Amino acid sequence: MIIDSDDVCPVVLVQVLRAFRDSKEGEEIIVKTKWEAAVQELKKWCDETGNEYLGWEKEGNRFVIKMRVSKKK
């Protein structure tokens, strides 16, 4: 599932929560955003929720953050 957003907190986080709710175990959620703090915020969210943070990269002026869903918690 890909979230491509020009929004910042809390909109990006709400979009991630909706994607998580609609996703299946092991599915990847990819967030593309200009919001730099999303890199740290989504890593923290993964650490707190047991989801797997797969890292990030920069594509032009956007941050691309990858996570894998774990609904075992």
Protein backbone atom coordinates (compact mmCIF):
# COMPACT_ATOMS: atom_id res chain seq x y z
CA MET A 1 0.00 0.00 0.00
CA ILE A 2 1.41 3.39 -0.98
CA ILE A 3 0.57 6.65 0.77
CA ASP A 4 1.63 9.67 -1.29
CA SER A 5 0.99 12.77 0.78
CA ASP A 6 1.92 16.44 0.79
CA ASP A 7 0.50 16.77 4.30
CA VAL A 8 2.35 16.86 7.62
CA CYS A 9 1.57 15.67 11.15
CA PRO A 10 -1.00 14.56 12.16
CA VAL A 11 -2.50 13.90 8.72
CA VAL A 12 0.30 11.56 7.58
CA LEU A 13 0.07 9.58 10.82
CA VAL A 14 -3.71 9.24 10.46
CA GLN A 15 -3.22 8.02 6.88
CA VAL A 16 -0.74 5.41 8.13
CA LEU A 17 -3.14 4.24 10.83
CA ARG A 18 -5.92 3.84 8.24
CA ALA A 19 -3.57 1.91 5.94
CA PHE A 20 -2.52 -0.30 8.87
CA ARG A 21 -6.15 -1.02 9.73
CA ASP A 22 -6.89 -2.05 6.14
CA SER A 23 -3.70 -4.07 5.61
CA LYS A 24 -2.83 -7.72 6.09
CA GLU A 25 0.00 -9.35 8.03
CA GLY A 26 3.32 -8.93 6.19
CA GLU A 27 2.06 -6.27 3.79
CA GLU A 28 4.31 -3.28 3.16
CA ILE A 29 3.18 0.28 3.71
CA ILE A 30 5.19 2.86 1.79
CA VAL A 31 4.86 6.53 2.70
CA LYS A 32 6.03 9.25 0.31
CA THR A 33 6.06 12.69 1.89
CA LYS A 34 7.91 16.01 1.99
CA TRP A 35 7.56 15.96 5.79
CA GLU A 36 11.12 15.18 7.00
CA ALA A 37 10.09 14.36 10.59
CA ALA A 38 8.00 11.46 9.26
CA VAL A 39 11.21 9.41 9.10
CA GLN A 40 11.66 9.55 12.89
CA GLU A 41 7.96 9.56 13.76
CA LEU A 42 7.19 6.43 11.75
CA LYS A 43 10.26 4.60 13.09
CA LYS A 44 9.06 5.41 16.61
CA TRP A 45 5.53 4.23 15.72
CA CYS A 46 6.92 0.92 14.41
CA ASP A 47 9.02 0.44 17.55
CA GLU A 48 6.01 1.09 19.77
CA THR A 49 3.55 -1.08 17.82
CA GLY A 50 5.74 -4.04 16.84
CA ASN A 51 5.62 -3.27 13.12
CA GLU A 52 8.86 -3.62 11.15
CA TYR A 53 10.61 -0.42 10.05
CA LEU A 54 12.35 -1.19 6.75
CA GLY A 55 14.10 2.15 6.37
CA TRP A 56 13.86 5.21 4.19
CA GLU A 57 15.42 6.88 1.18
CA LYS A 58 15.20 10.26 -0.46
CA GLU A 59 13.61 10.60 -3.91
CA GLY A 60 13.96 14.19 -5.07
CA ASN A 61 12.36 16.37 -2.38
CA ARG A 62 10.33 13.47 -0.90
CA PHE A 63 11.13 10.98 1.83
CA VAL A 64 10.11 7.40 1.06
CA ILE A 65 9.58 5.38 4.25
CA LYS A 66 8.94 1.63 4.16
CA MET A 67 7.29 -0.44 6.89
CA ARG A 68 6.03 -4.01 7.15
CA VAL A 69 2.79 -4.75 8.98
CA SER A 70 2.85 -7.07 11.98
CA LYS A 71 -0.52 -7.65 13.59
CA LYS A 72 0.75 -10.20 16.12
CA LYS A 73 0.92 -7.76 19.01
